[in-house]
Amino acid sequence: MIEVLKDSDRITESRKVAFSSACRTALYEKFKSRIVHNPSLDRKLVSFQANKQVPFYSWFKYREGFSERLVAYLLQHLKRQPGLLLDPFAGVGSSLFAASALGWQTKGIELLPVGVYAIQARLVAQKINFDEFNTVVNELIKINFANY
């Protein structure tokens, strides 16, 4: 069913937007002295885009995820000593794997099956011996399967 908004509803929505903008402006004014522009944190770095060229991170596009480089940057600049990282919204595990590569112990919670499967696939992939894998692949390439 489609509901048509009355003019009074539109005015209410308009007031909510104006109130939201006013609150955002007030927060900015309150904290602007603490806001520092960091040119190291560009748009590509703070989104999943930076993972497009990184092995294992690039195999599954997950818009909501962080880039491996962002996680590494934050861990190295905010807390230099490895410890325990808990990611309560693990997604496909970008934060978990990036922190683990830096020596951190990691724990993640993810409810969406796609995220759980991506993390499980990554864990399995990390156990593969790539020299053995390449040997088997090269042997398979030599087989003429047309003879079977």
N, C-alpha and C. Protein backbone atom coordinates (compact mmCIF):
# COMPACT_ATOMS: atom_id res chain seq x y z
N MET A 1 0.84 -1.17 0.00
CA MET A 1 0.00 0.00 0.00
C MET A 1 0.89 1.24 0.00
N ILE A 2 0.59 2.18 -0.84
CA ILE A 2 1.33 3.43 -0.92
C ILE A 2 0.58 4.48 -0.13
N GLU A 3 1.30 5.14 0.74
CA GLU A 3 0.69 6.18 1.57
C GLU A 3 1.18 7.54 1.09
N VAL A 4 0.27 8.43 0.84
CA VAL A 4 0.61 9.77 0.40
C VAL A 4 0.80 10.66 1.62
N LEU A 5 1.92 11.35 1.64
CA LEU A 5 2.19 12.25 2.76
C LEU A 5 1.33 13.50 2.67
N LYS A 6 0.84 13.92 3.81
CA LYS A 6 0.11 15.18 3.87
C LYS A 6 1.14 16.30 4.00
N ASP A 7 0.71 17.52 3.70
CA ASP A 7 1.62 18.66 3.82
C ASP A 7 2.18 18.78 5.24
N SER A 8 1.37 18.47 6.23
CA SER A 8 1.85 18.58 7.62
C SER A 8 2.96 17.56 7.88
N ASP A 9 2.87 16.37 7.24
CA ASP A 9 3.93 15.36 7.39
C ASP A 9 5.23 15.86 6.76
N ARG A 10 5.11 16.51 5.60
CA ARG A 10 6.30 17.03 4.92
C ARG A 10 6.98 18.11 5.77
N ILE A 11 6.17 18.94 6.41
CA ILE A 11 6.71 19.99 7.27
C ILE A 11 7.44 19.36 8.45
N THR A 12 6.85 18.32 9.04
CA THR A 12 7.48 17.62 10.16
C THR A 12 8.82 17.03 9.74
N GLU A 13 8.86 16.38 8.57
CA GLU A 13 10.11 15.80 8.06
C GLU A 13 11.14 16.90 7.81
N SER A 14 10.69 18.00 7.26
CA SER A 14 11.59 19.13 6.99
C SER A 14 12.18 19.66 8.29
N ARG A 15 11.37 19.74 9.33
CA ARG A 15 11.85 20.21 10.64
C ARG A 15 12.87 19.23 11.22
N LYS A 16 12.63 17.93 11.03
CA LYS A 16 13.57 16.92 11.53
C LYS A 16 14.93 17.08 10.85
N VAL A 17 14.92 17.29 9.55
CA VAL A 17 16.16 17.48 8.81
C VAL A 17 16.87 18.74 9.29
N ALA A 18 16.12 19.81 9.45
CA ALA A 18 16.71 21.07 9.92
C ALA A 18 17.28 20.90 11.33
N PHE A 19 16.55 20.19 12.20
CA PHE A 19 17.02 19.94 13.56
C PHE A 19 18.30 19.11 13.52
N SER A 20 18.31 18.08 12.68
CA SER A 20 19.49 17.23 12.54
C SER A 20 20.69 18.04 12.07
N SER A 21 20.48 18.89 11.09
CA SER A 21 21.57 19.75 10.58
C SER A 21 22.06 20.70 11.66
N ALA A 22 21.14 21.25 12.42
CA ALA A 22 21.51 22.16 13.50
C ALA A 22 22.32 21.43 14.57
N CYS A 23 21.92 20.22 14.89
CA CYS A 23 22.66 19.42 15.88
C CYS A 23 24.06 19.10 15.37
N ARG A 24 24.15 18.73 14.10
CA ARG A 24 25.45 18.41 13.51
C ARG A 24 26.36 19.64 13.54
N THR A 25 25.79 20.80 13.20
CA THR A 25 26.56 22.04 13.22
C THR A 25 27.01 22.38 14.64
N ALA A 26 26.12 22.18 15.61
CA ALA A 26 26.47 22.46 17.01
C ALA A 26 27.60 21.53 17.48
N LEU A 27 27.53 20.27 17.10
CA LEU A 27 28.60 19.33 17.47
C LEU A 27 29.92 19.73 16.82
N TYR A 28 29.86 20.12 15.56
CA TYR A 28 31.08 20.55 14.87
C TYR A 28 31.69 21.76 15.59
N GLU A 29 30.87 22.74 15.90
CA GLU A 29 31.37 23.94 16.58
C GLU A 29 31.99 23.60 17.94
N LYS A 30 31.37 22.67 18.64
CA LYS A 30 31.86 22.29 19.97
C LYS A 30 33.23 21.61 19.89
N PHE A 31 33.44 20.77 18.86
CA PHE A 31 34.66 19.96 18.80
C PHE A 31 35.63 20.35 17.70
N LYS A 32 35.39 21.45 17.00
CA LYS A 32 36.24 21.79 15.85
C LYS A 32 37.69 22.04 16.24
N SER A 33 37.93 22.47 17.47
CA SER A 33 39.32 22.71 17.89
C SER A 33 40.09 21.39 18.04
N ARG A 34 39.38 20.29 18.16
CA ARG A 34 40.02 18.98 18.31
C ARG A 34 40.14 18.24 16.97
N ILE A 35 39.49 18.74 15.96
CA ILE A 35 39.50 18.07 14.66
C ILE A 35 40.76 18.46 13.91
N VAL A 36 41.50 17.45 13.49
CA VAL A 36 42.74 17.67 12.75
C VAL A 36 42.65 16.91 11.44
N HIS A 37 42.95 17.58 10.35
CA HIS A 37 42.97 16.92 9.05
C HIS A 37 44.23 16.08 8.93
N ASN A 38 44.07 14.81 8.63
CA ASN A 38 45.20 13.91 8.46
C ASN A 38 45.26 13.49 6.99
N PRO A 39 46.19 14.03 6.22
CA PRO A 39 46.26 13.71 4.79
C PRO A 39 46.57 12.24 4.51
N SER A 40 47.06 11.52 5.51
CA SER A 40 47.33 10.08 5.33
C SER A 40 46.04 9.28 5.20
N LEU A 41 44.97 9.81 5.75
CA LEU A 41 43.69 9.09 5.75
C LEU A 41 42.82 9.59 4.61
N ASP A 42 43.13 9.14 3.41
CA ASP A 42 42.34 9.56 2.25
C ASP A 42 41.11 8.67 2.08
N ARG A 43 40.27 9.04 1.14
CA ARG A 43 39.00 8.35 0.92
C ARG A 43 39.19 6.87 0.59
N LYS A 44 40.21 6.59 -0.20
CA LYS A 44 40.47 5.20 -0.59
C LYS A 44 40.89 4.37 0.63
N LEU A 45 41.71 4.95 1.48
CA LEU A 45 42.22 4.23 2.64
C LEU A 45 41.13 3.91 3.65
N VAL A 46 40.21 4.82 3.86
CA VAL A 46 39.20 4.63 4.90
C VAL A 46 38.00 3.81 4.43
N SER A 47 38.03 3.34 3.20
CA SER A 47 36.97 2.48 2.69
C SER A 47 37.58 1.16 2.25
N PHE A 48 36.76 0.29 1.73
CA PHE A 48 37.24 -1.02 1.28
C PHE A 48 38.00 -0.92 -0.04
N GLN A 49 37.96 0.24 -0.70
CA GLN A 49 38.61 0.41 -2.01
C GLN A 49 40.08 0.05 -1.99
N ALA A 50 40.77 0.36 -0.93
CA ALA A 50 42.22 0.10 -0.86
C ALA A 50 42.53 -1.39 -0.87
N ASN A 51 41.53 -2.24 -0.61
CA ASN A 51 41.76 -3.68 -0.61
C ASN A 51 41.70 -4.30 -2.01
N LYS A 52 41.32 -3.52 -3.00
CA LYS A 52 41.14 -4.07 -4.34
C LYS A 52 42.40 -4.70 -4.92
N GLN A 53 43.56 -4.24 -4.51
CA GLN A 53 44.82 -4.75 -5.04
C GLN A 53 45.57 -5.64 -4.05
N VAL A 54 44.97 -5.94 -2.90
CA VAL A 54 45.66 -6.69 -1.86
C VAL A 54 45.21 -8.15 -1.89
N PRO A 55 46.17 -9.09 -2.05
CA PRO A 55 45.79 -10.51 -2.07
C PRO A 55 44.98 -10.91 -0.84
N PHE A 56 44.04 -11.78 -1.04
CA PHE A 56 43.10 -12.29 -0.03
C PHE A 56 42.05 -11.27 0.37
N TYR A 57 42.38 -10.01 0.43
CA TYR A 57 41.39 -8.99 0.77
C TYR A 57 40.54 -8.65 -0.44
N SER A 58 41.09 -8.84 -1.62
CA SER A 58 40.41 -8.42 -2.84
C SER A 58 39.46 -9.48 -3.40
N TRP A 59 39.46 -10.67 -2.85
CA TRP A 59 38.68 -11.74 -3.48
C TRP A 59 37.18 -11.64 -3.22
N PHE A 60 36.77 -10.87 -2.24
CA PHE A 60 35.35 -10.69 -1.96
C PHE A 60 35.11 -9.23 -1.63
N LYS A 61 34.38 -8.55 -2.50
CA LYS A 61 34.12 -7.12 -2.27
C LYS A 61 33.07 -6.98 -1.17
N TYR A 62 33.43 -6.25 -0.15
CA TYR A 62 32.55 -6.03 0.99
C TYR A 62 32.57 -4.55 1.30
N ARG A 63 31.62 -3.82 0.75
CA ARG A 63 31.59 -2.36 0.85
C ARG A 63 31.69 -1.84 2.27
N GLU A 64 31.09 -2.56 3.20
CA GLU A 64 31.02 -2.07 4.57
C GLU A 64 32.33 -2.28 5.33
N GLY A 65 33.29 -2.95 4.73
CA GLY A 65 34.52 -3.29 5.42
C GLY A 65 35.55 -2.18 5.43
N PHE A 66 36.55 -2.36 6.26
CA PHE A 66 37.69 -1.44 6.33
C PHE A 66 38.80 -1.96 5.44
N SER A 67 39.68 -1.07 5.05
CA SER A 67 40.85 -1.52 4.30
C SER A 67 41.89 -2.06 5.26
N GLU A 68 42.67 -3.00 4.78
CA GLU A 68 43.75 -3.58 5.57
C GLU A 68 44.73 -2.49 5.99
N ARG A 69 45.03 -1.57 5.08
CA ARG A 69 45.97 -0.49 5.37
C ARG A 69 45.44 0.44 6.47
N LEU A 70 44.14 0.69 6.50
CA LEU A 70 43.57 1.55 7.55
C LEU A 70 43.74 0.89 8.91
N VAL A 71 43.42 -0.39 8.99
CA VAL A 71 43.54 -1.09 10.27
C VAL A 71 45.00 -1.08 10.73
N ALA A 72 45.92 -1.37 9.81
CA ALA A 72 47.35 -1.35 10.16
C ALA A 72 47.77 0.04 10.62
N TYR A 73 47.33 1.06 9.91
CA TYR A 73 47.67 2.45 10.27
C TYR A 73 47.18 2.78 11.68
N LEU A 74 45.92 2.47 11.95
CA LEU A 74 45.35 2.80 13.26
C LEU A 74 46.04 2.04 14.39
N LEU A 75 46.30 0.76 14.17
CA LEU A 75 46.95 -0.02 15.23
C LEU A 75 48.37 0.47 15.49
N GLN A 76 49.08 0.82 14.44
CA GLN A 76 50.46 1.26 14.61
C GLN A 76 50.55 2.67 15.20
N HIS A 77 49.56 3.51 14.93
CA HIS A 77 49.62 4.89 15.42
C HIS A 77 48.90 5.11 16.76
N LEU A 78 47.91 4.29 17.05
CA LEU A 78 47.14 4.50 18.27
C LEU A 78 47.60 3.62 19.42
N LYS A 79 48.01 2.41 19.11
CA LYS A 79 48.48 1.49 20.14
C LYS A 79 49.59 0.67 19.53
N ARG A 80 50.78 1.01 19.88
CA ARG A 80 51.94 0.43 19.20
C ARG A 80 52.25 -1.00 19.63
N GLN A 81 51.81 -1.41 20.81
CA GLN A 81 52.09 -2.76 21.29
C GLN A 81 50.92 -3.69 20.96
N PRO A 82 51.19 -4.84 20.35
CA PRO A 82 50.11 -5.79 20.07
C PRO A 82 49.41 -6.22 21.35
N GLY A 83 48.13 -6.47 21.23
CA GLY A 83 47.32 -6.93 22.34
C GLY A 83 46.17 -7.75 21.79
N LEU A 84 45.01 -7.58 22.37
CA LEU A 84 43.81 -8.28 21.92
C LEU A 84 42.91 -7.31 21.19
N LEU A 85 42.49 -7.66 19.98
CA LEU A 85 41.56 -6.85 19.22
C LEU A 85 40.24 -7.60 19.13
N LEU A 86 39.17 -6.98 19.59
CA LEU A 86 37.83 -7.55 19.48
C LEU A 86 37.07 -6.75 18.43
N ASP A 87 36.59 -7.45 17.41
CA ASP A 87 35.78 -6.80 16.38
C ASP A 87 34.36 -7.36 16.50
N PRO A 88 33.44 -6.60 17.12
CA PRO A 88 32.09 -7.11 17.34
C PRO A 88 31.24 -7.17 16.07
N PHE A 89 31.69 -6.55 15.00
CA PHE A 89 31.00 -6.59 13.71
C PHE A 89 32.05 -6.93 12.66
N ALA A 90 32.50 -8.17 12.67
CA ALA A 90 33.70 -8.58 11.93
C ALA A 90 33.57 -8.52 10.41
N GLY A 91 32.35 -8.56 9.90
CA GLY A 91 32.20 -8.53 8.44
C GLY A 91 32.92 -9.69 7.80
N VAL A 92 33.83 -9.41 6.86
CA VAL A 92 34.60 -10.47 6.21
C VAL A 92 35.97 -10.64 6.86
N GLY A 93 36.19 -10.00 7.99
CA GLY A 93 37.39 -10.23 8.78
C GLY A 93 38.59 -9.35 8.47
N SER A 94 38.40 -8.26 7.74
CA SER A 94 39.54 -7.41 7.38
C SER A 94 40.33 -6.96 8.61
N SER A 95 39.64 -6.48 9.62
CA SER A 95 40.33 -6.02 10.84
C SER A 95 41.02 -7.17 11.55
N LEU A 96 40.36 -8.32 11.58
CA LEU A 96 40.93 -9.47 12.27
C LEU A 96 42.23 -9.93 11.61
N PHE A 97 42.21 -10.05 10.28
CA PHE A 97 43.39 -10.55 9.57
C PHE A 97 44.51 -9.52 9.53
N ALA A 98 44.16 -8.25 9.40
CA ALA A 98 45.18 -7.20 9.38
C ALA A 98 45.88 -7.12 10.74
N ALA A 99 45.11 -7.18 11.82
CA ALA A 99 45.69 -7.12 13.16
C ALA A 99 46.51 -8.37 13.45
N SER A 100 46.01 -9.51 13.03
CA SER A 100 46.73 -10.77 13.24
C SER A 100 48.09 -10.75 12.55
N ALA A 101 48.14 -10.17 11.35
CA ALA A 101 49.41 -10.08 10.62
C ALA A 101 50.42 -9.19 11.34
N LEU A 102 49.94 -8.32 12.22
CA LEU A 102 50.82 -7.44 12.99
C LEU A 102 51.12 -8.01 14.38
N GLY A 103 50.73 -9.26 14.61
CA GLY A 103 51.04 -9.90 15.88
C GLY A 103 49.96 -9.80 16.95
N TRP A 104 48.81 -9.30 16.59
CA TRP A 104 47.73 -9.15 17.55
C TRP A 104 46.96 -10.46 17.67
N GLN A 105 46.42 -10.70 18.86
CA GLN A 105 45.45 -11.78 19.05
C GLN A 105 44.10 -11.17 18.68
N THR A 106 43.30 -11.90 17.91
CA THR A 106 42.04 -11.31 17.46
C THR A 106 40.85 -12.21 17.76
N LYS A 107 39.74 -11.58 18.02
CA LYS A 107 38.45 -12.25 18.22
C LYS A 107 37.42 -11.46 17.44
N GLY A 108 36.54 -12.16 16.74
CA GLY A 108 35.53 -11.47 15.97
C GLY A 108 34.16 -12.09 16.14
N ILE A 109 33.16 -11.27 16.01
CA ILE A 109 31.76 -11.70 16.07
C ILE A 109 31.10 -11.25 14.78
N GLU A 110 30.48 -12.18 14.07
CA GLU A 110 29.75 -11.83 12.84
C GLU A 110 28.52 -12.71 12.74
N LEU A 111 27.38 -12.10 12.51
CA LEU A 111 26.12 -12.82 12.42
C LEU A 111 25.72 -13.15 10.99
N LEU A 112 26.14 -12.33 10.03
CA LEU A 112 25.73 -12.57 8.64
C LEU A 112 26.50 -13.77 8.07
N PRO A 113 25.78 -14.74 7.52
CA PRO A 113 26.44 -15.93 6.99
C PRO A 113 27.52 -15.63 5.95
N VAL A 114 27.31 -14.63 5.11
CA VAL A 114 28.30 -14.33 4.08
C VAL A 114 29.63 -13.92 4.72
N GLY A 115 29.58 -13.18 5.80
CA GLY A 115 30.80 -12.80 6.49
C GLY A 115 31.47 -13.99 7.15
N VAL A 116 30.68 -14.83 7.79
CA VAL A 116 31.22 -16.03 8.44
C VAL A 116 31.90 -16.92 7.41
N TYR A 117 31.25 -17.14 6.26
CA TYR A 117 31.83 -18.00 5.22
C TYR A 117 33.11 -17.39 4.65
N ALA A 118 33.13 -16.09 4.46
CA ALA A 118 34.34 -15.44 3.93
C ALA A 118 35.50 -15.58 4.92
N ILE A 119 35.22 -15.43 6.20
CA ILE A 119 36.27 -15.59 7.22
C ILE A 119 36.75 -17.03 7.25
N GLN A 120 35.82 -17.99 7.21
CA GLN A 120 36.22 -19.40 7.22
C GLN A 120 37.05 -19.75 5.99
N ALA A 121 36.66 -19.23 4.83
CA ALA A 121 37.42 -19.50 3.60
C ALA A 121 38.83 -18.93 3.71
N ARG A 122 38.93 -17.76 4.27
CA ARG A 122 40.25 -17.12 4.43
C ARG A 122 41.13 -17.93 5.39
N LEU A 123 40.54 -18.42 6.47
CA LEU A 123 41.30 -19.23 7.42
C LEU A 123 41.82 -20.50 6.77
N VAL A 124 41.00 -21.14 5.95
CA VAL A 124 41.43 -22.34 5.23
C VAL A 124 42.52 -22.00 4.22
N ALA A 125 42.33 -20.91 3.48
CA ALA A 125 43.30 -20.51 2.45
C ALA A 125 44.66 -20.22 3.07
N GLN A 126 44.69 -19.70 4.27
CA GLN A 126 45.96 -19.38 4.92
C GLN A 126 46.76 -20.62 5.29
N LYS A 127 46.09 -21.76 5.35
CA LYS A 127 46.77 -23.01 5.72
C LYS A 127 47.38 -23.72 4.51
N ILE A 128 47.09 -23.23 3.32
CA ILE A 128 47.58 -23.89 2.10
C ILE A 128 49.07 -23.64 1.93
N ASN A 129 49.79 -24.71 1.61
CA ASN A 129 51.20 -24.60 1.25
C ASN A 129 51.23 -24.27 -0.24
N PHE A 130 51.61 -23.06 -0.58
CA PHE A 130 51.51 -22.61 -1.97
C PHE A 130 52.49 -23.31 -2.90
N ASP A 131 53.63 -23.74 -2.39
CA ASP A 131 54.56 -24.49 -3.23
C ASP A 131 53.94 -25.82 -3.64
N GLU A 132 53.36 -26.53 -2.67
CA GLU A 132 52.68 -27.79 -2.97
C GLU A 132 51.49 -27.56 -3.90
N PHE A 133 50.74 -26.51 -3.64
CA PHE A 133 49.58 -26.18 -4.47
C PHE A 133 50.00 -25.95 -5.92
N ASN A 134 51.05 -25.16 -6.12
CA ASN A 134 51.53 -24.89 -7.48
C ASN A 134 52.03 -26.15 -8.16
N THR A 135 52.67 -27.05 -7.41
CA THR A 135 53.14 -28.32 -7.97
C THR A 135 51.95 -29.14 -8.47
N VAL A 136 50.92 -29.25 -7.66
CA VAL A 136 49.73 -30.01 -8.05
C VAL A 136 49.04 -29.37 -9.25
N VAL A 137 48.91 -28.06 -9.25
CA VAL A 137 48.28 -27.37 -10.38
C VAL A 137 49.07 -27.61 -11.66
N ASN A 138 50.39 -27.52 -11.60
CA ASN A 138 51.21 -27.75 -12.78
C ASN A 138 51.09 -29.18 -13.28
N GLU A 139 50.97 -30.15 -12.38
CA GLU A 139 50.76 -31.54 -12.78
C GLU A 139 49.39 -31.70 -13.45
N LEU A 140 48.39 -31.06 -12.91
CA LEU A 140 47.05 -31.14 -13.51
C LEU A 140 47.01 -30.51 -14.89
N ILE A 141 47.74 -29.44 -15.08
CA ILE A 141 47.77 -28.77 -16.39
C ILE A 141 48.34 -29.69 -17.46
N LYS A 142 49.28 -30.54 -17.08
CA LYS A 142 49.92 -31.45 -18.03
C LYS A 142 49.01 -32.60 -18.46
N ILE A 143 47.98 -32.89 -17.68
CA ILE A 143 47.09 -34.01 -17.98
C ILE A 143 46.15 -33.64 -19.12
N ASN A 144 46.04 -34.52 -20.08
CA ASN A 144 45.08 -34.33 -21.18
C ASN A 144 43.78 -35.01 -20.76
N PHE A 145 42.86 -34.25 -20.25
CA PHE A 145 41.62 -34.81 -19.74
C PHE A 145 40.70 -35.31 -20.85
N ALA A 146 41.02 -34.99 -22.09
CA ALA A 146 40.23 -35.50 -23.22
C ALA A 146 40.37 -37.01 -23.34
N ASN A 147 41.43 -37.58 -22.79
CA ASN A 147 41.65 -39.03 -22.85
C ASN A 147 40.81 -39.79 -21.83
N TYR A 148 40.12 -39.11 -20.98
CA TYR A 148 39.34 -39.79 -19.94
C TYR A 148 37.88 -39.86 -20.29
